[in-house]
Amino acid sequence: FLGRVTPKKHLAELLEAWRRVLPLAMATSWRLVIVGPPDAGYGEELAAFVGAAGLSDSVTLAGPAFGDARAAAFRASDAFILPSVSEGQPMGALEALSCGLPVLLTPQCNLPEAESAGAAIDIEADPQGITAGLIRLFNMAPEVRRAMGERGRKLIAAQFDWDISAASFEDLYWRVTTSLDHAIVA
């Protein structure tokens, strides 16, 4: 995970799911790294859960990462998860996809294109849904995960590239300003 560490991201639910899959995670050498600036008190709450649940050997609460450290966090990852219940445009997920990572996303991440492209695993934001997604990820062959990541990279290049976004915005701006030429003001 990489993003703001806040309750709406459902990281407590992610940690509960991780506790449930811990034997499989350890057997398949997976670690959970949560990167991002925590909301006041929430980081401490998550750290307390990690300690009480015996997850310290497999979970790292890394704190914020910016610039090169943020890019390095993505490069060091094998997958990305965002169990959020409210996203506008999930920048962390878009960055992960651009780095060729398979992603686990809730419908509330508002990125159905990733699942349609075969680059994402759809999960629910509760511990049961997150657990099911993690088990699916852990049981995938490495070449299947790499193929998911490559589909994500292609999706970003085709639909979310800056040049494409700028052209889309320019088109929208043109349509809005053109329609104003014909407006009647009362």
N, C-alpha and C. Protein backbone atom coordinates (compact mmCIF):
# COMPACT_ATOMS: atom_id res chain seq x y z
N PHE A 1 0.85 -1.17 0.00
CA PHE A 1 0.00 0.00 0.00
C PHE A 1 0.89 1.22 0.00
N LEU A 2 0.50 2.22 -0.79
CA LEU A 2 1.19 3.50 -0.79
C LEU A 2 0.14 4.59 -0.97
N GLY A 3 0.02 5.44 0.02
CA GLY A 3 -0.95 6.52 -0.02
C GLY A 3 -1.12 7.10 1.37
N ARG A 4 -2.11 7.96 1.51
CA ARG A 4 -2.39 8.50 2.84
C ARG A 4 -2.89 7.37 3.74
N VAL A 5 -2.38 7.31 4.93
CA VAL A 5 -2.77 6.29 5.90
C VAL A 5 -3.91 6.87 6.73
N THR A 6 -5.11 6.55 6.28
CA THR A 6 -6.32 7.12 6.86
C THR A 6 -7.41 6.05 6.92
N PRO A 7 -8.36 6.15 7.85
CA PRO A 7 -9.38 5.10 7.99
C PRO A 7 -10.13 4.76 6.71
N LYS A 8 -10.40 5.74 5.82
CA LYS A 8 -11.17 5.44 4.61
C LYS A 8 -10.43 4.50 3.66
N LYS A 9 -9.14 4.32 3.87
CA LYS A 9 -8.36 3.40 3.04
C LYS A 9 -8.51 1.95 3.53
N HIS A 10 -9.17 1.76 4.66
CA HIS A 10 -9.46 0.46 5.25
C HIS A 10 -8.20 -0.36 5.52
N LEU A 11 -7.20 0.30 6.09
CA LEU A 11 -5.95 -0.39 6.40
C LEU A 11 -6.08 -1.28 7.63
N ALA A 12 -6.97 -0.94 8.56
CA ALA A 12 -7.22 -1.83 9.70
C ALA A 12 -7.81 -3.14 9.18
N GLU A 13 -8.71 -3.04 8.22
CA GLU A 13 -9.31 -4.24 7.62
C GLU A 13 -8.26 -5.02 6.83
N LEU A 14 -7.35 -4.31 6.18
CA LEU A 14 -6.25 -4.97 5.48
C LEU A 14 -5.36 -5.73 6.47
N LEU A 15 -5.06 -5.13 7.59
CA LEU A 15 -4.24 -5.81 8.58
C LEU A 15 -4.95 -7.04 9.16
N GLU A 16 -6.25 -6.93 9.37
CA GLU A 16 -7.01 -8.11 9.84
C GLU A 16 -6.96 -9.21 8.78
N ALA A 17 -7.13 -8.85 7.52
CA ALA A 17 -7.03 -9.84 6.45
C ALA A 17 -5.64 -10.45 6.41
N TRP A 18 -4.62 -9.62 6.59
CA TRP A 18 -3.24 -10.12 6.59
C TRP A 18 -3.03 -11.12 7.73
N ARG A 19 -3.60 -10.81 8.89
CA ARG A 19 -3.51 -11.74 10.02
C ARG A 19 -4.11 -13.09 9.63
N ARG A 20 -5.21 -13.07 8.90
CA ARG A 20 -5.88 -14.30 8.49
C ARG A 20 -5.06 -15.11 7.49
N VAL A 21 -4.31 -14.43 6.63
CA VAL A 21 -3.55 -15.13 5.58
C VAL A 21 -2.08 -15.29 5.95
N LEU A 22 -1.71 -14.95 7.18
CA LEU A 22 -0.30 -14.94 7.58
C LEU A 22 0.43 -16.25 7.28
N PRO A 23 -0.14 -17.41 7.58
CA PRO A 23 0.61 -18.64 7.26
C PRO A 23 0.92 -18.77 5.76
N LEU A 24 -0.04 -18.44 4.92
CA LEU A 24 0.18 -18.51 3.47
C LEU A 24 1.16 -17.42 3.03
N ALA A 25 1.03 -16.23 3.59
CA ALA A 25 1.95 -15.13 3.24
C ALA A 25 3.38 -15.51 3.58
N MET A 26 3.58 -16.06 4.76
CA MET A 26 4.94 -16.44 5.18
C MET A 26 5.46 -17.59 4.34
N ALA A 27 4.60 -18.55 4.02
CA ALA A 27 5.03 -19.71 3.23
C ALA A 27 5.41 -19.31 1.82
N THR A 28 4.83 -18.23 1.32
CA THR A 28 5.12 -17.79 -0.05
C THR A 28 5.98 -16.53 -0.07
N SER A 29 6.56 -16.18 1.07
CA SER A 29 7.52 -15.07 1.21
C SER A 29 6.95 -13.69 0.90
N TRP A 30 5.68 -13.46 1.19
CA TRP A 30 5.10 -12.14 0.99
C TRP A 30 5.25 -11.33 2.27
N ARG A 31 5.43 -10.02 2.11
CA ARG A 31 5.45 -9.06 3.21
C ARG A 31 4.48 -7.94 2.84
N LEU A 32 3.91 -7.33 3.83
CA LEU A 32 3.03 -6.18 3.63
C LEU A 32 3.78 -4.94 4.09
N VAL A 33 3.91 -3.97 3.18
CA VAL A 33 4.55 -2.70 3.51
C VAL A 33 3.52 -1.60 3.27
N ILE A 34 3.24 -0.85 4.31
CA ILE A 34 2.29 0.26 4.24
C ILE A 34 3.11 1.54 4.25
N VAL A 35 3.05 2.26 3.14
CA VAL A 35 3.85 3.48 2.95
C VAL A 35 2.91 4.66 2.85
N GLY A 36 3.15 5.68 3.66
CA GLY A 36 2.36 6.90 3.56
C GLY A 36 2.29 7.63 4.87
N PRO A 37 1.92 8.89 4.80
CA PRO A 37 1.78 9.69 6.03
C PRO A 37 0.49 9.33 6.75
N PRO A 38 0.59 9.00 8.04
CA PRO A 38 -0.63 8.61 8.79
C PRO A 38 -1.39 9.80 9.33
N ASP A 39 -2.72 9.65 9.35
CA ASP A 39 -3.57 10.61 10.05
C ASP A 39 -3.22 10.54 11.54
N ALA A 40 -3.44 11.65 12.24
CA ALA A 40 -3.14 11.71 13.67
C ALA A 40 -3.83 10.57 14.42
N GLY A 41 -3.06 9.79 15.12
CA GLY A 41 -3.58 8.69 15.93
C GLY A 41 -3.79 7.40 15.18
N TYR A 42 -4.04 7.47 13.87
CA TYR A 42 -4.34 6.25 13.11
C TYR A 42 -3.10 5.38 12.94
N GLY A 43 -1.96 6.01 12.73
CA GLY A 43 -0.71 5.24 12.61
C GLY A 43 -0.42 4.46 13.88
N GLU A 44 -0.64 5.10 15.01
CA GLU A 44 -0.42 4.44 16.29
C GLU A 44 -1.40 3.28 16.48
N GLU A 45 -2.64 3.47 16.05
CA GLU A 45 -3.66 2.41 16.14
C GLU A 45 -3.24 1.20 15.30
N LEU A 46 -2.76 1.45 14.10
CA LEU A 46 -2.32 0.36 13.23
C LEU A 46 -1.09 -0.33 13.81
N ALA A 47 -0.15 0.46 14.33
CA ALA A 47 1.06 -0.12 14.93
C ALA A 47 0.71 -1.01 16.13
N ALA A 48 -0.25 -0.57 16.93
CA ALA A 48 -0.68 -1.37 18.08
C ALA A 48 -1.28 -2.69 17.62
N PHE A 49 -2.09 -2.66 16.55
CA PHE A 49 -2.67 -3.88 16.03
C PHE A 49 -1.59 -4.82 15.51
N VAL A 50 -0.62 -4.28 14.77
CA VAL A 50 0.47 -5.09 14.23
C VAL A 50 1.19 -5.81 15.36
N GLY A 51 1.50 -5.09 16.44
CA GLY A 51 2.18 -5.71 17.58
C GLY A 51 1.33 -6.75 18.29
N ALA A 52 0.07 -6.40 18.57
CA ALA A 52 -0.82 -7.30 19.31
C ALA A 52 -1.15 -8.56 18.51
N ALA A 53 -1.22 -8.43 17.17
CA ALA A 53 -1.58 -9.58 16.33
C ALA A 53 -0.37 -10.42 15.93
N GLY A 54 0.81 -10.02 16.38
CA GLY A 54 2.02 -10.78 16.06
C GLY A 54 2.42 -10.67 14.59
N LEU A 55 2.20 -9.51 14.00
CA LEU A 55 2.48 -9.33 12.58
C LEU A 55 3.80 -8.61 12.31
N SER A 56 4.54 -8.29 13.34
CA SER A 56 5.74 -7.47 13.18
C SER A 56 6.78 -8.05 12.23
N ASP A 57 6.83 -9.37 12.10
CA ASP A 57 7.80 -9.99 11.20
C ASP A 57 7.38 -9.93 9.74
N SER A 58 6.11 -9.60 9.46
CA SER A 58 5.65 -9.60 8.07
C SER A 58 5.00 -8.29 7.62
N VAL A 59 4.89 -7.33 8.53
CA VAL A 59 4.27 -6.04 8.20
C VAL A 59 5.22 -4.91 8.59
N THR A 60 5.39 -3.98 7.68
CA THR A 60 6.19 -2.79 7.95
C THR A 60 5.32 -1.56 7.74
N LEU A 61 5.26 -0.71 8.75
CA LEU A 61 4.61 0.59 8.63
C LEU A 61 5.74 1.58 8.36
N ALA A 62 5.95 1.90 7.09
CA ALA A 62 7.15 2.61 6.66
C ALA A 62 7.09 4.12 6.79
N GLY A 63 5.91 4.68 6.99
CA GLY A 63 5.81 6.14 7.03
C GLY A 63 5.80 6.72 5.63
N PRO A 64 5.88 8.05 5.54
CA PRO A 64 5.76 8.70 4.23
C PRO A 64 6.99 8.48 3.35
N ALA A 65 6.75 8.55 2.05
CA ALA A 65 7.83 8.47 1.06
C ALA A 65 7.48 9.43 -0.07
N PHE A 66 8.43 10.25 -0.45
CA PHE A 66 8.20 11.23 -1.50
C PHE A 66 9.33 11.15 -2.52
N GLY A 67 9.06 11.62 -3.73
CA GLY A 67 10.09 11.70 -4.76
C GLY A 67 10.73 10.36 -5.07
N ASP A 68 12.05 10.31 -5.00
CA ASP A 68 12.79 9.08 -5.32
C ASP A 68 12.43 7.93 -4.38
N ALA A 69 12.15 8.23 -3.13
CA ALA A 69 11.77 7.18 -2.17
C ALA A 69 10.43 6.56 -2.55
N ARG A 70 9.53 7.36 -3.05
CA ARG A 70 8.22 6.86 -3.49
C ARG A 70 8.41 5.95 -4.69
N ALA A 71 9.19 6.40 -5.66
CA ALA A 71 9.46 5.58 -6.85
C ALA A 71 10.15 4.28 -6.46
N ALA A 72 11.07 4.35 -5.53
CA ALA A 72 11.79 3.15 -5.07
C ALA A 72 10.83 2.17 -4.39
N ALA A 73 9.86 2.69 -3.67
CA ALA A 73 8.88 1.81 -3.01
C ALA A 73 8.10 1.01 -4.05
N PHE A 74 7.70 1.66 -5.13
CA PHE A 74 7.00 0.94 -6.19
C PHE A 74 7.92 -0.08 -6.86
N ARG A 75 9.16 0.31 -7.12
CA ARG A 75 10.10 -0.61 -7.78
C ARG A 75 10.40 -1.84 -6.93
N ALA A 76 10.36 -1.69 -5.62
CA ALA A 76 10.66 -2.79 -4.71
C ALA A 76 9.45 -3.70 -4.47
N SER A 77 8.31 -3.35 -5.05
CA SER A 77 7.07 -4.09 -4.78
C SER A 77 6.78 -5.12 -5.86
N ASP A 78 6.00 -6.12 -5.46
CA ASP A 78 5.53 -7.15 -6.39
C ASP A 78 4.05 -7.01 -6.71
N ALA A 79 3.34 -6.21 -5.90
CA ALA A 79 1.91 -5.98 -6.10
C ALA A 79 1.53 -4.74 -5.30
N PHE A 80 0.31 -4.27 -5.53
CA PHE A 80 -0.19 -3.08 -4.85
C PHE A 80 -1.63 -3.36 -4.43
N ILE A 81 -2.00 -2.87 -3.25
CA ILE A 81 -3.37 -3.04 -2.78
C ILE A 81 -3.92 -1.71 -2.29
N LEU A 82 -5.18 -1.45 -2.65
CA LEU A 82 -5.88 -0.25 -2.20
C LEU A 82 -7.31 -0.66 -1.82
N PRO A 83 -7.51 -1.01 -0.54
CA PRO A 83 -8.85 -1.44 -0.10
C PRO A 83 -9.74 -0.28 0.33
N SER A 84 -9.64 0.83 -0.35
CA SER A 84 -10.33 2.07 0.01
C SER A 84 -11.84 1.98 -0.22
N VAL A 85 -12.56 2.79 0.57
CA VAL A 85 -14.01 2.90 0.39
C VAL A 85 -14.41 4.22 -0.27
N SER A 86 -13.41 5.04 -0.67
CA SER A 86 -13.73 6.31 -1.30
C SER A 86 -12.50 6.88 -1.99
N GLU A 87 -12.52 6.86 -3.31
CA GLU A 87 -11.44 7.44 -4.11
C GLU A 87 -12.05 8.25 -5.24
N GLY A 88 -11.42 9.36 -5.57
CA GLY A 88 -11.79 10.10 -6.76
C GLY A 88 -11.01 9.50 -7.92
N GLN A 89 -9.74 9.86 -8.01
CA GLN A 89 -8.85 9.23 -8.98
C GLN A 89 -7.70 8.65 -8.16
N PRO A 90 -7.60 7.35 -8.06
CA PRO A 90 -6.62 6.71 -7.17
C PRO A 90 -5.20 6.79 -7.73
N MET A 91 -4.51 7.88 -7.40
CA MET A 91 -3.18 8.12 -7.96
C MET A 91 -2.20 7.00 -7.62
N GLY A 92 -2.25 6.48 -6.41
CA GLY A 92 -1.34 5.40 -6.04
C GLY A 92 -1.55 4.18 -6.93
N ALA A 93 -2.80 3.85 -7.19
CA ALA A 93 -3.10 2.70 -8.06
C ALA A 93 -2.63 2.97 -9.48
N LEU A 94 -2.84 4.19 -9.97
CA LEU A 94 -2.38 4.53 -11.32
C LEU A 94 -0.86 4.43 -11.42
N GLU A 95 -0.17 4.91 -10.38
CA GLU A 95 1.29 4.81 -10.37
C GLU A 95 1.74 3.35 -10.33
N ALA A 96 1.07 2.55 -9.52
CA ALA A 96 1.41 1.13 -9.43
C ALA A 96 1.23 0.45 -10.78
N LEU A 97 0.11 0.73 -11.43
CA LEU A 97 -0.14 0.15 -12.76
C LEU A 97 0.94 0.59 -13.75
N SER A 98 1.33 1.87 -13.69
CA SER A 98 2.35 2.35 -14.62
C SER A 98 3.70 1.69 -14.37
N CYS A 99 3.90 1.19 -13.15
CA CYS A 99 5.14 0.49 -12.80
C CYS A 99 5.05 -1.01 -13.11
N GLY A 100 3.92 -1.44 -13.68
CA GLY A 100 3.77 -2.84 -14.05
C GLY A 100 3.42 -3.76 -12.89
N LEU A 101 2.78 -3.22 -11.87
CA LEU A 101 2.39 -4.05 -10.72
C LEU A 101 0.95 -4.52 -10.87
N PRO A 102 0.67 -5.78 -10.56
CA PRO A 102 -0.73 -6.18 -10.45
C PRO A 102 -1.32 -5.47 -9.23
N VAL A 103 -2.59 -5.11 -9.31
CA VAL A 103 -3.21 -4.35 -8.23
C VAL A 103 -4.46 -5.05 -7.72
N LEU A 104 -4.74 -4.85 -6.45
CA LEU A 104 -5.98 -5.30 -5.82
C LEU A 104 -6.74 -4.04 -5.46
N LEU A 105 -7.95 -3.89 -6.01
CA LEU A 105 -8.72 -2.66 -5.85
C LEU A 105 -10.17 -2.95 -5.52
N THR A 106 -10.75 -2.07 -4.72
CA THR A 106 -12.18 -2.13 -4.45
C THR A 106 -12.93 -1.38 -5.55
N PRO A 107 -14.22 -1.66 -5.73
CA PRO A 107 -15.00 -0.89 -6.70
C PRO A 107 -15.00 0.61 -6.40
N GLN A 108 -14.87 0.97 -5.13
CA GLN A 108 -14.87 2.38 -4.74
C GLN A 108 -13.60 3.11 -5.16
N CYS A 109 -12.63 2.39 -5.70
CA CYS A 109 -11.42 3.03 -6.24
C CYS A 109 -11.71 3.68 -7.59
N ASN A 110 -12.86 3.36 -8.16
CA ASN A 110 -13.30 3.99 -9.42
C ASN A 110 -12.30 3.79 -10.55
N LEU A 111 -11.81 2.57 -10.68
CA LEU A 111 -10.88 2.25 -11.76
C LEU A 111 -11.27 0.91 -12.39
N PRO A 112 -12.53 0.81 -12.89
CA PRO A 112 -12.99 -0.46 -13.45
C PRO A 112 -12.18 -0.87 -14.68
N GLU A 113 -11.53 0.10 -15.33
CA GLU A 113 -10.71 -0.21 -16.51
C GLU A 113 -9.59 -1.19 -16.17
N ALA A 114 -9.08 -1.12 -14.95
CA ALA A 114 -7.97 -2.00 -14.55
C ALA A 114 -8.43 -3.45 -14.49
N GLU A 115 -9.59 -3.68 -13.91
CA GLU A 115 -10.10 -5.06 -13.87
C GLU A 115 -10.48 -5.52 -15.28
N SER A 116 -11.13 -4.65 -16.04
CA SER A 116 -11.52 -5.02 -17.41
C SER A 116 -10.30 -5.37 -18.27
N ALA A 117 -9.18 -4.69 -18.02
CA ALA A 117 -7.95 -4.95 -18.78
C ALA A 117 -7.21 -6.18 -18.28
N GLY A 118 -7.68 -6.78 -17.19
CA GLY A 118 -7.00 -7.94 -16.63
C GLY A 118 -5.75 -7.56 -15.84
N ALA A 119 -5.73 -6.32 -15.33
CA ALA A 119 -4.57 -5.84 -14.58
C ALA A 119 -4.84 -5.75 -13.09
N ALA A 120 -6.08 -6.05 -12.67
CA ALA A 120 -6.46 -5.89 -11.28
C ALA A 120 -7.30 -7.05 -10.79
N ILE A 121 -7.22 -7.26 -9.50
CA ILE A 121 -8.09 -8.20 -8.80
C ILE A 121 -9.10 -7.35 -8.05
N ASP A 122 -10.37 -7.56 -8.29
CA ASP A 122 -11.43 -6.83 -7.62
C ASP A 122 -11.62 -7.42 -6.23
N ILE A 123 -11.59 -6.55 -5.21
CA ILE A 123 -11.79 -6.99 -3.83
C ILE A 123 -12.86 -6.14 -3.18
N GLU A 124 -13.43 -6.64 -2.12
CA GLU A 124 -14.32 -5.85 -1.28
C GLU A 124 -13.49 -5.27 -0.15
N ALA A 125 -13.97 -4.21 0.48
CA ALA A 125 -13.19 -3.48 1.48
C ALA A 125 -13.27 -4.09 2.88
N ASP A 126 -13.93 -5.22 3.03
CA ASP A 126 -14.00 -5.86 4.34
C ASP A 126 -12.91 -6.93 4.46
N PRO A 127 -12.62 -7.40 5.68
CA PRO A 127 -11.56 -8.39 5.83
C PRO A 127 -11.76 -9.66 4.99
N GLN A 128 -13.01 -10.11 4.83
CA GLN A 128 -13.26 -11.31 4.04
C GLN A 128 -12.90 -11.08 2.57
N GLY A 129 -13.30 -9.95 2.01
CA GLY A 129 -13.01 -9.64 0.62
C GLY A 129 -11.53 -9.43 0.37
N ILE A 130 -10.87 -8.76 1.30
CA ILE A 130 -9.43 -8.53 1.17
C ILE A 130 -8.69 -9.86 1.29
N THR A 131 -9.12 -10.69 2.23
CA THR A 131 -8.50 -12.01 2.41
C THR A 131 -8.60 -12.82 1.12
N ALA A 132 -9.78 -12.85 0.51
CA ALA A 132 -9.96 -13.62 -0.73
C ALA A 132 -9.04 -13.10 -1.84
N GLY A 133 -8.91 -11.78 -1.94
CA GLY A 133 -8.03 -11.21 -2.96
C GLY A 133 -6.58 -11.54 -2.71
N LEU A 134 -6.16 -11.48 -1.45
CA LEU A 134 -4.77 -11.82 -1.12
C LEU A 134 -4.46 -13.28 -1.42
N ILE A 135 -5.38 -14.16 -1.07
CA ILE A 135 -5.18 -15.59 -1.35
C ILE A 135 -5.06 -15.81 -2.86
N ARG A 136 -5.90 -15.15 -3.61
CA ARG A 136 -5.83 -15.27 -5.07
C ARG A 136 -4.46 -14.79 -5.58
N LEU A 137 -4.00 -13.65 -5.08
CA LEU A 137 -2.70 -13.11 -5.48
C LEU A 137 -1.57 -14.07 -5.11
N PHE A 138 -1.57 -14.56 -3.88
CA PHE A 138 -0.50 -15.43 -3.41
C PHE A 138 -0.43 -16.73 -4.20
N ASN A 139 -1.58 -17.20 -4.67
CA ASN A 139 -1.62 -18.46 -5.41
C ASN A 139 -1.32 -18.32 -6.90
N MET A 140 -1.15 -17.10 -7.38
CA MET A 140 -0.84 -16.89 -8.80
C MET A 140 0.63 -17.22 -9.08
N ALA A 141 0.84 -17.80 -10.22
CA ALA A 141 2.22 -18.04 -10.66
C ALA A 141 2.87 -16.68 -10.97
N PRO A 142 4.17 -16.57 -10.75
CA PRO A 142 4.85 -15.30 -11.03
C PRO A 142 4.63 -14.78 -12.45
N GLU A 143 4.58 -15.67 -13.43
CA GLU A 143 4.38 -15.21 -14.81
C GLU A 143 2.97 -14.65 -15.01
N VAL A 144 2.00 -15.13 -14.25
CA VAL A 144 0.63 -14.59 -14.33
C VAL A 144 0.61 -13.19 -13.73
N ARG A 145 1.29 -13.00 -12.60
CA ARG A 145 1.37 -11.67 -12.01
C ARG A 145 2.10 -10.70 -12.94
N ARG A 146 3.18 -11.16 -13.56
CA ARG A 146 3.91 -10.29 -14.50
C ARG A 146 3.02 -9.90 -15.68
N ALA A 147 2.23 -10.85 -16.19
CA ALA A 147 1.33 -10.55 -17.31
C ALA A 147 0.27 -9.54 -16.88
N MET A 148 -0.26 -9.66 -15.66
CA MET A 148 -1.21 -8.67 -15.14
C MET A 148 -0.56 -7.30 -15.11
N GLY A 149 0.66 -7.25 -14.61
CA GLY A 149 1.38 -5.99 -14.52
C GLY A 149 1.61 -5.36 -15.89
N GLU A 150 1.94 -6.18 -16.86
CA GLU A 150 2.16 -5.66 -18.22
C GLU A 150 0.87 -5.12 -18.81
N ARG A 151 -0.24 -5.78 -18.53
CA ARG A 151 -1.54 -5.27 -19.00
C ARG A 151 -1.85 -3.92 -18.35
N GLY A 152 -1.47 -3.78 -17.08
CA GLY A 152 -1.66 -2.50 -16.40
C GLY A 152 -0.81 -1.40 -17.00
N ARG A 153 0.43 -1.71 -17.30
CA ARG A 153 1.32 -0.73 -17.92
C ARG A 153 0.75 -0.26 -19.26
N LYS A 154 0.23 -1.21 -20.05
CA LYS A 154 -0.37 -0.87 -21.35
C LYS A 154 -1.63 -0.03 -21.17
N LEU A 155 -2.43 -0.36 -20.16
CA LEU A 155 -3.64 0.42 -19.88
C LEU A 155 -3.28 1.88 -19.58
N ILE A 156 -2.30 2.08 -18.74
CA ILE A 156 -1.90 3.44 -18.39
C ILE A 156 -1.41 4.19 -19.62
N ALA A 157 -0.59 3.54 -20.43
CA ALA A 157 -0.07 4.18 -21.64
C ALA A 157 -1.19 4.54 -22.61
N ALA A 158 -2.21 3.71 -22.68
CA ALA A 158 -3.30 3.92 -23.65
C ALA A 158 -4.36 4.91 -23.16
N GLN A 159 -4.60 4.98 -21.84
CA GLN A 159 -5.72 5.78 -21.36
C GLN A 159 -5.38 6.86 -20.35
N PHE A 160 -4.24 6.77 -19.70
CA PHE A 160 -3.96 7.70 -18.60
C PHE A 160 -2.65 8.46 -18.77
N ASP A 161 -2.01 8.34 -19.91
CA ASP A 161 -0.80 9.07 -20.20
C ASP A 161 -1.08 10.58 -20.13
N TRP A 162 -0.08 11.39 -19.73
CA TRP A 162 -0.28 12.83 -19.60
C TRP A 162 -0.73 13.47 -20.92
N ASP A 163 -0.15 13.05 -22.04
CA ASP A 163 -0.53 13.62 -23.33
C ASP A 163 -1.99 13.33 -23.64
N ILE A 164 -2.42 12.12 -23.35
CA ILE A 164 -3.82 11.74 -23.58
C ILE A 164 -4.73 12.53 -22.65
N SER A 165 -4.35 12.64 -21.38
CA SER A 165 -5.16 13.40 -20.41
C SER A 165 -5.25 14.87 -20.82
N ALA A 166 -4.13 15.45 -21.26
CA ALA A 166 -4.13 16.85 -21.66
C ALA A 166 -5.03 17.06 -22.88
N ALA A 167 -4.96 16.16 -23.86
CA ALA A 167 -5.80 16.29 -25.06
C ALA A 167 -7.28 16.16 -24.68
N SER A 168 -7.59 15.27 -23.77
CA SER A 168 -8.97 15.09 -23.32
C SER A 168 -9.46 16.35 -22.62
N PHE A 169 -8.63 16.93 -21.77
CA PHE A 169 -9.00 18.15 -21.08
C PHE A 169 -9.18 19.30 -22.07
N GLU A 170 -8.28 19.39 -23.03
CA GLU A 170 -8.38 20.43 -24.06
C GLU A 170 -9.68 20.29 -24.84
N ASP A 171 -10.05 19.06 -25.18
CA ASP A 171 -11.31 18.82 -25.90
C ASP A 171 -12.50 19.23 -25.04
N LEU A 172 -12.50 18.86 -23.79
CA LEU A 172 -13.58 19.24 -22.88
C LEU A 172 -13.66 20.76 -22.76
N TYR A 173 -12.54 21.41 -22.59
CA TYR A 173 -12.50 22.86 -22.47
C TYR A 173 -13.08 23.51 -23.73
N TRP A 174 -12.68 23.02 -24.89
CA TRP A 174 -13.18 23.55 -26.15
C TRP A 174 -14.69 23.40 -26.25
N ARG A 175 -15.22 22.21 -25.89
CA ARG A 175 -16.66 21.98 -25.96
C ARG A 175 -17.42 22.89 -25.02
N VAL A 176 -16.90 23.08 -23.81
CA VAL A 176 -17.57 23.94 -22.83
C VAL A 176 -17.55 25.39 -23.30
N THR A 177 -16.40 25.87 -23.72
CA THR A 177 -16.34 27.28 -24.14
C THR A 177 -17.12 27.52 -25.41
N THR A 178 -17.18 26.58 -26.31
CA THR A 178 -17.96 26.73 -27.54
C THR A 178 -19.45 26.77 -27.20
N SER A 179 -19.87 25.96 -26.27
CA SER A 179 -21.29 25.95 -25.92
C SER A 179 -21.69 27.25 -25.24
N LEU A 180 -20.75 27.93 -24.60
CA LEU A 180 -21.05 29.20 -23.96
C LEU A 180 -21.33 30.30 -24.99
N ASP A 181 -20.78 30.16 -26.18
CA ASP A 181 -21.04 31.13 -27.24
C ASP A 181 -22.52 31.20 -27.59
N HIS A 182 -23.23 30.15 -27.33
CA HIS A 182 -24.64 30.09 -27.72
C HIS A 182 -25.58 30.17 -26.52
N ALA A 183 -25.05 30.49 -25.36
CA ALA A 183 -25.87 30.55 -24.16
C ALA A 183 -26.67 31.86 -24.12
N ILE A 184 -27.82 31.81 -23.49
CA ILE A 184 -28.63 33.00 -23.28
C ILE A 184 -28.53 33.34 -21.81
N VAL A 185 -28.14 34.55 -21.53
CA VAL A 185 -28.02 34.99 -20.16
C VAL A 185 -29.22 35.84 -19.83
N ALA A 186 -29.89 35.52 -18.76
CA ALA A 186 -31.09 36.27 -18.37
C ALA A 186 -30.79 37.19 -17.21
